Amino acid sequence: MIEILLVFAMFGVLGAVMLSLNRLLGPHRPDPLGNREPFECGSPPLQEGIPPSHISYYGTVLLFLLFDIEIVFFFPWALIVRSMTGIALMAMAAFLLPLGAGFAFAWKKGGLDWSER
């Protein structure tokens, strides 16, 4: 129990130090609007002329998220692969088969071709 309290205390002190350093070393330029106007995504609100994103961008983002999340499962597997039995290796192969099929499908459909973006 004391270890948990010690961890919370350390992170509390670390947070206080970081906030204090930001206050001391950060820029001291007041906002001319006084933070009265909303600000979203690096653009002033309701700004005219912001071009929409190309639709292929969203496909690229979804592919990245799909493969990035699935790759996270490889880290624990890589740590114990030498001690795995045949059933565990077959389970990993069953995981890799749809992943490889999805990768091949995305490649065939041009989802990984950056020349047309």
N, C-alpha and C. Protein backbone atom coordinates (compact mmCIF):
# COMPACT_ATOMS: atom_id res chain seq x y z
N MET A 1 0.82 -1.19 0.00
CA MET A 1 0.00 0.00 0.00
C MET A 1 0.87 1.26 0.00
N ILE A 2 1.96 1.22 0.73
CA ILE A 2 2.84 2.38 0.80
C ILE A 2 3.48 2.67 -0.55
N GLU A 3 3.71 1.60 -1.34
CA GLU A 3 4.32 1.79 -2.66
C GLU A 3 3.39 2.55 -3.58
N ILE A 4 2.11 2.25 -3.51
CA ILE A 4 1.13 2.93 -4.36
C ILE A 4 1.04 4.40 -3.97
N LEU A 5 1.02 4.68 -2.68
CA LEU A 5 1.00 6.08 -2.22
C LEU A 5 2.26 6.82 -2.64
N LEU A 6 3.39 6.13 -2.59
CA LEU A 6 4.65 6.73 -3.02
C LEU A 6 4.62 7.08 -4.51
N VAL A 7 4.07 6.19 -5.33
CA VAL A 7 3.96 6.47 -6.77
C VAL A 7 3.06 7.67 -7.02
N PHE A 8 1.90 7.73 -6.34
CA PHE A 8 1.01 8.87 -6.49
C PHE A 8 1.69 10.17 -6.05
N ALA A 9 2.43 10.11 -4.96
CA ALA A 9 3.13 11.30 -4.48
C ALA A 9 4.20 11.74 -5.48
N MET A 10 4.94 10.77 -6.03
CA MET A 10 5.99 11.13 -7.01
C MET A 10 5.38 11.79 -8.24
N PHE A 11 4.27 11.23 -8.75
CA PHE A 11 3.65 11.84 -9.92
C PHE A 11 3.00 13.17 -9.59
N GLY A 12 2.50 13.33 -8.39
CA GLY A 12 1.97 14.63 -7.98
C GLY A 12 3.05 15.69 -7.94
N VAL A 13 4.20 15.33 -7.36
CA VAL A 13 5.33 16.27 -7.31
C VAL A 13 5.84 16.56 -8.72
N LEU A 14 5.92 15.52 -9.56
CA LEU A 14 6.37 15.73 -10.94
C LEU A 14 5.42 16.66 -11.69
N GLY A 15 4.12 16.47 -11.51
CA GLY A 15 3.15 17.36 -12.15
C GLY A 15 3.29 18.79 -11.67
N ALA A 16 3.47 18.98 -10.38
CA ALA A 16 3.63 20.33 -9.83
C ALA A 16 4.91 20.99 -10.35
N VAL A 17 5.99 20.21 -10.45
CA VAL A 17 7.25 20.76 -10.99
C VAL A 17 7.08 21.16 -12.43
N MET A 18 6.43 20.32 -13.23
CA MET A 18 6.25 20.64 -14.65
C MET A 18 5.38 21.88 -14.84
N LEU A 19 4.31 22.00 -14.06
CA LEU A 19 3.46 23.18 -14.15
C LEU A 19 4.22 24.44 -13.71
N SER A 20 5.03 24.32 -12.67
CA SER A 20 5.81 25.47 -12.20
C SER A 20 6.85 25.90 -13.23
N LEU A 21 7.53 24.92 -13.84
CA LEU A 21 8.51 25.25 -14.87
C LEU A 21 7.85 25.89 -16.08
N ASN A 22 6.68 25.45 -16.44
CA ASN A 22 5.96 26.07 -17.55
C ASN A 22 5.62 27.52 -17.23
N ARG A 23 5.19 27.75 -16.00
CA ARG A 23 4.84 29.11 -15.59
C ARG A 23 6.08 30.01 -15.57
N LEU A 24 7.22 29.47 -15.13
CA LEU A 24 8.44 30.26 -15.04
C LEU A 24 9.12 30.47 -16.39
N LEU A 25 9.21 29.41 -17.19
CA LEU A 25 10.00 29.47 -18.41
C LEU A 25 9.18 29.68 -19.67
N GLY A 26 7.87 29.55 -19.60
CA GLY A 26 7.02 29.67 -20.78
C GLY A 26 6.89 31.12 -21.23
N PRO A 27 6.39 31.32 -22.46
CA PRO A 27 6.20 32.69 -22.97
C PRO A 27 5.10 33.40 -22.19
N HIS A 28 5.29 34.69 -22.01
CA HIS A 28 4.33 35.50 -21.25
C HIS A 28 3.69 36.53 -22.17
N ARG A 29 3.09 36.03 -23.27
CA ARG A 29 2.42 36.93 -24.20
C ARG A 29 0.91 36.76 -24.01
N PRO A 30 0.25 37.77 -23.52
CA PRO A 30 -1.20 37.64 -23.36
C PRO A 30 -1.90 37.61 -24.71
N ASP A 31 -2.99 36.88 -24.78
CA ASP A 31 -3.78 36.78 -26.00
C ASP A 31 -4.52 38.10 -26.22
N PRO A 32 -4.42 38.69 -27.42
CA PRO A 32 -5.10 39.97 -27.64
C PRO A 32 -6.62 39.86 -27.54
N LEU A 33 -7.17 38.68 -27.80
CA LEU A 33 -8.62 38.51 -27.69
C LEU A 33 -9.04 38.10 -26.29
N GLY A 34 -8.08 37.80 -25.46
CA GLY A 34 -8.40 37.41 -24.09
C GLY A 34 -9.08 36.07 -24.00
N ASN A 35 -8.82 35.18 -24.93
CA ASN A 35 -9.41 33.84 -24.95
C ASN A 35 -10.93 33.87 -24.98
N ARG A 36 -11.48 34.89 -25.62
CA ARG A 36 -12.93 34.99 -25.71
C ARG A 36 -13.48 34.36 -26.98
N GLU A 37 -12.60 34.06 -27.93
CA GLU A 37 -13.05 33.50 -29.20
C GLU A 37 -12.60 32.05 -29.31
N PRO A 38 -13.46 31.16 -29.80
CA PRO A 38 -13.05 29.75 -29.91
C PRO A 38 -11.97 29.55 -30.96
N PHE A 39 -11.21 28.50 -30.79
CA PHE A 39 -10.12 28.18 -31.70
C PHE A 39 -10.10 26.69 -31.90
N GLU A 40 -10.21 26.26 -33.16
CA GLU A 40 -10.30 24.83 -33.42
C GLU A 40 -9.31 24.42 -34.50
N CYS A 41 -8.59 23.38 -34.25
CA CYS A 41 -7.75 22.70 -35.25
C CYS A 41 -6.76 23.63 -35.94
N GLY A 42 -6.27 24.64 -35.27
CA GLY A 42 -5.29 25.52 -35.87
C GLY A 42 -5.88 26.56 -36.80
N SER A 43 -7.18 26.66 -36.89
CA SER A 43 -7.83 27.62 -37.77
C SER A 43 -8.82 28.46 -36.98
N PRO A 44 -8.95 29.72 -37.37
CA PRO A 44 -10.00 30.52 -36.73
C PRO A 44 -11.37 29.91 -37.05
N PRO A 45 -12.35 30.12 -36.19
CA PRO A 45 -13.66 29.51 -36.43
C PRO A 45 -14.32 30.10 -37.68
N LEU A 46 -15.00 29.22 -38.41
CA LEU A 46 -15.76 29.59 -39.60
C LEU A 46 -14.92 30.35 -40.63
N GLN A 47 -13.68 29.96 -40.78
CA GLN A 47 -12.82 30.58 -41.78
C GLN A 47 -13.23 30.09 -43.16
N GLU A 48 -13.34 30.98 -44.09
CA GLU A 48 -13.70 30.63 -45.46
C GLU A 48 -12.47 30.16 -46.21
N GLY A 49 -12.67 29.26 -47.12
CA GLY A 49 -11.60 28.84 -48.01
C GLY A 49 -10.72 27.72 -47.49
N ILE A 50 -11.15 27.01 -46.47
CA ILE A 50 -10.37 25.86 -46.01
C ILE A 50 -10.73 24.69 -46.92
N PRO A 51 -9.77 24.18 -47.68
CA PRO A 51 -10.12 23.09 -48.60
C PRO A 51 -10.40 21.79 -47.85
N PRO A 52 -11.35 21.01 -48.32
CA PRO A 52 -11.62 19.72 -47.67
C PRO A 52 -10.49 18.73 -47.95
N SER A 53 -10.35 17.76 -47.09
CA SER A 53 -9.33 16.73 -47.28
C SER A 53 -9.77 15.79 -48.39
N HIS A 54 -8.79 15.29 -49.13
CA HIS A 54 -9.08 14.33 -50.20
C HIS A 54 -9.56 13.03 -49.58
N ILE A 55 -10.50 12.36 -50.23
CA ILE A 55 -11.12 11.16 -49.67
C ILE A 55 -10.11 10.03 -49.48
N SER A 56 -9.06 9.99 -50.29
CA SER A 56 -8.08 8.91 -50.14
C SER A 56 -7.30 9.04 -48.82
N TYR A 57 -7.26 10.23 -48.26
CA TYR A 57 -6.61 10.42 -46.97
C TYR A 57 -7.27 9.57 -45.90
N TYR A 58 -8.59 9.52 -45.90
CA TYR A 58 -9.31 8.77 -44.87
C TYR A 58 -9.05 7.27 -44.99
N GLY A 59 -8.95 6.77 -46.21
CA GLY A 59 -8.61 5.36 -46.39
C GLY A 59 -7.23 5.05 -45.86
N THR A 60 -6.28 5.95 -46.11
CA THR A 60 -4.92 5.76 -45.61
C THR A 60 -4.91 5.76 -44.08
N VAL A 61 -5.66 6.64 -43.49
CA VAL A 61 -5.73 6.72 -42.03
C VAL A 61 -6.33 5.44 -41.45
N LEU A 62 -7.39 4.94 -42.06
CA LEU A 62 -8.01 3.71 -41.56
C LEU A 62 -7.07 2.51 -41.70
N LEU A 63 -6.34 2.43 -42.82
CA LEU A 63 -5.37 1.35 -42.97
C LEU A 63 -4.27 1.45 -41.93
N PHE A 64 -3.79 2.66 -41.69
CA PHE A 64 -2.76 2.84 -40.68
C PHE A 64 -3.25 2.38 -39.31
N LEU A 65 -4.44 2.81 -38.93
CA LEU A 65 -4.97 2.41 -37.62
C LEU A 65 -5.17 0.91 -37.53
N LEU A 66 -5.69 0.32 -38.59
CA LEU A 66 -5.92 -1.12 -38.58
C LEU A 66 -4.62 -1.88 -38.37
N PHE A 67 -3.60 -1.59 -39.16
CA PHE A 67 -2.36 -2.34 -39.06
C PHE A 67 -1.56 -1.94 -37.83
N ASP A 68 -1.67 -0.71 -37.40
CA ASP A 68 -0.95 -0.27 -36.21
C ASP A 68 -1.48 -0.98 -34.96
N ILE A 69 -2.77 -1.08 -34.84
CA ILE A 69 -3.35 -1.74 -33.68
C ILE A 69 -3.03 -3.23 -33.70
N GLU A 70 -3.07 -3.84 -34.87
CA GLU A 70 -2.78 -5.27 -34.94
C GLU A 70 -1.30 -5.56 -34.68
N ILE A 71 -0.43 -4.66 -35.06
CA ILE A 71 1.00 -4.86 -34.84
C ILE A 71 1.31 -4.85 -33.34
N VAL A 72 0.51 -4.16 -32.54
CA VAL A 72 0.73 -4.13 -31.09
C VAL A 72 0.67 -5.54 -30.51
N PHE A 73 -0.12 -6.41 -31.10
CA PHE A 73 -0.24 -7.78 -30.60
C PHE A 73 1.02 -8.60 -30.87
N PHE A 74 1.91 -8.13 -31.74
CA PHE A 74 3.13 -8.87 -32.04
C PHE A 74 4.18 -8.73 -30.94
N PHE A 75 4.16 -7.68 -30.17
CA PHE A 75 5.18 -7.49 -29.14
C PHE A 75 5.17 -8.58 -28.07
N PRO A 76 4.03 -8.90 -27.46
CA PRO A 76 4.05 -10.00 -26.49
C PRO A 76 4.40 -11.34 -27.15
N TRP A 77 3.93 -11.53 -28.37
CA TRP A 77 4.22 -12.76 -29.09
C TRP A 77 5.71 -12.91 -29.35
N ALA A 78 6.37 -11.81 -29.69
CA ALA A 78 7.80 -11.86 -29.97
C ALA A 78 8.60 -12.21 -28.72
N LEU A 79 8.09 -11.88 -27.56
CA LEU A 79 8.81 -12.19 -26.33
C LEU A 79 8.77 -13.66 -25.96
N ILE A 80 7.71 -14.35 -26.37
CA ILE A 80 7.56 -15.75 -25.94
C ILE A 80 7.56 -16.74 -27.10
N VAL A 81 7.92 -16.30 -28.30
CA VAL A 81 7.82 -17.16 -29.47
C VAL A 81 8.68 -18.42 -29.34
N ARG A 82 9.80 -18.35 -28.68
CA ARG A 82 10.68 -19.52 -28.56
C ARG A 82 10.11 -20.58 -27.63
N SER A 83 9.28 -20.20 -26.71
CA SER A 83 8.72 -21.18 -25.77
C SER A 83 7.30 -21.60 -26.13
N MET A 84 6.83 -21.23 -27.30
CA MET A 84 5.47 -21.55 -27.70
C MET A 84 5.35 -23.00 -28.17
N THR A 85 4.19 -23.57 -27.95
CA THR A 85 3.91 -24.92 -28.42
C THR A 85 3.26 -24.86 -29.79
N GLY A 86 2.96 -26.00 -30.35
CA GLY A 86 2.36 -26.05 -31.68
C GLY A 86 0.98 -25.41 -31.74
N ILE A 87 0.18 -25.58 -30.70
CA ILE A 87 -1.16 -24.99 -30.69
C ILE A 87 -1.08 -23.47 -30.66
N ALA A 88 -0.16 -22.94 -29.87
CA ALA A 88 0.00 -21.49 -29.80
C ALA A 88 0.50 -20.93 -31.13
N LEU A 89 1.37 -21.66 -31.79
CA LEU A 89 1.84 -21.20 -33.10
C LEU A 89 0.71 -21.24 -34.13
N MET A 90 -0.16 -22.24 -34.05
CA MET A 90 -1.31 -22.28 -34.96
C MET A 90 -2.28 -21.13 -34.68
N ALA A 91 -2.43 -20.77 -33.41
CA ALA A 91 -3.30 -19.64 -33.07
C ALA A 91 -2.71 -18.34 -33.62
N MET A 92 -1.40 -18.21 -33.55
CA MET A 92 -0.78 -17.01 -34.12
C MET A 92 -0.89 -17.00 -35.63
N ALA A 93 -0.78 -18.17 -36.25
CA ALA A 93 -0.97 -18.25 -37.70
C ALA A 93 -2.40 -17.88 -38.08
N ALA A 94 -3.36 -18.29 -37.25
CA ALA A 94 -4.76 -17.92 -37.50
C ALA A 94 -4.96 -16.42 -37.35
N PHE A 95 -4.16 -15.78 -36.53
CA PHE A 95 -4.22 -14.32 -36.41
C PHE A 95 -3.54 -13.65 -37.60
N LEU A 96 -2.44 -14.23 -38.06
CA LEU A 96 -1.69 -13.64 -39.16
C LEU A 96 -2.38 -13.79 -40.51
N LEU A 97 -3.15 -14.84 -40.69
CA LEU A 97 -3.79 -15.10 -41.98
C LEU A 97 -4.74 -13.96 -42.39
N PRO A 98 -5.70 -13.53 -41.55
CA PRO A 98 -6.55 -12.40 -41.96
C PRO A 98 -5.76 -11.09 -42.08
N LEU A 99 -4.75 -10.93 -41.25
CA LEU A 99 -3.92 -9.73 -41.35
C LEU A 99 -3.20 -9.68 -42.69
N GLY A 100 -2.62 -10.80 -43.09
CA GLY A 100 -1.95 -10.86 -44.39
C GLY A 100 -2.93 -10.71 -45.54
N ALA A 101 -4.13 -11.30 -45.41
CA ALA A 101 -5.14 -11.17 -46.46
C ALA A 101 -5.58 -9.71 -46.60
N GLY A 102 -5.77 -9.03 -45.48
CA GLY A 102 -6.14 -7.61 -45.53
C GLY A 102 -5.05 -6.75 -46.14
N PHE A 103 -3.81 -7.07 -45.81
CA PHE A 103 -2.68 -6.34 -46.39
C PHE A 103 -2.61 -6.55 -47.89
N ALA A 104 -2.77 -7.81 -48.33
CA ALA A 104 -2.74 -8.11 -49.77
C ALA A 104 -3.90 -7.42 -50.49
N PHE A 105 -5.09 -7.42 -49.88
CA PHE A 105 -6.24 -6.75 -50.49
C PHE A 105 -6.00 -5.25 -50.63
N ALA A 106 -5.48 -4.62 -49.57
CA ALA A 106 -5.20 -3.18 -49.62
C ALA A 106 -4.15 -2.87 -50.67
N TRP A 107 -3.15 -3.72 -50.78
CA TRP A 107 -2.10 -3.53 -51.78
C TRP A 107 -2.67 -3.66 -53.19
N LYS A 108 -3.50 -4.69 -53.42
CA LYS A 108 -4.07 -4.92 -54.75
C LYS A 108 -5.01 -3.79 -55.15
N LYS A 109 -5.77 -3.25 -54.21
CA LYS A 109 -6.70 -2.16 -54.51
C LYS A 109 -6.02 -0.80 -54.62
N GLY A 110 -4.71 -0.73 -54.35
CA GLY A 110 -3.99 0.53 -54.45
C GLY A 110 -4.05 1.39 -53.21
N GLY A 111 -4.46 0.82 -52.10
CA GLY A 111 -4.54 1.59 -50.86
C GLY A 111 -3.19 1.98 -50.31
N LEU A 112 -2.13 1.32 -50.75
CA LEU A 112 -0.79 1.63 -50.27
C LEU A 112 0.03 2.37 -51.31
N ASP A 113 -0.59 2.76 -52.42
CA ASP A 113 0.11 3.48 -53.50
C ASP A 113 0.05 4.97 -53.23
N TRP A 114 1.19 5.56 -52.93
CA TRP A 114 1.23 6.98 -52.58
C TRP A 114 1.39 7.88 -53.78
N SER A 115 1.61 7.33 -54.97
CA SER A 115 1.85 8.18 -56.13
C SER A 115 0.61 8.97 -56.56
N GLU A 116 -0.57 8.46 -56.31
CA GLU A 116 -1.77 9.17 -56.73
C GLU A 116 -2.34 10.07 -55.66
N ARG A 117 -1.67 10.25 -54.55
CA ARG A 117 -2.17 11.12 -53.48
C ARG A 117 -1.57 12.47 -53.58
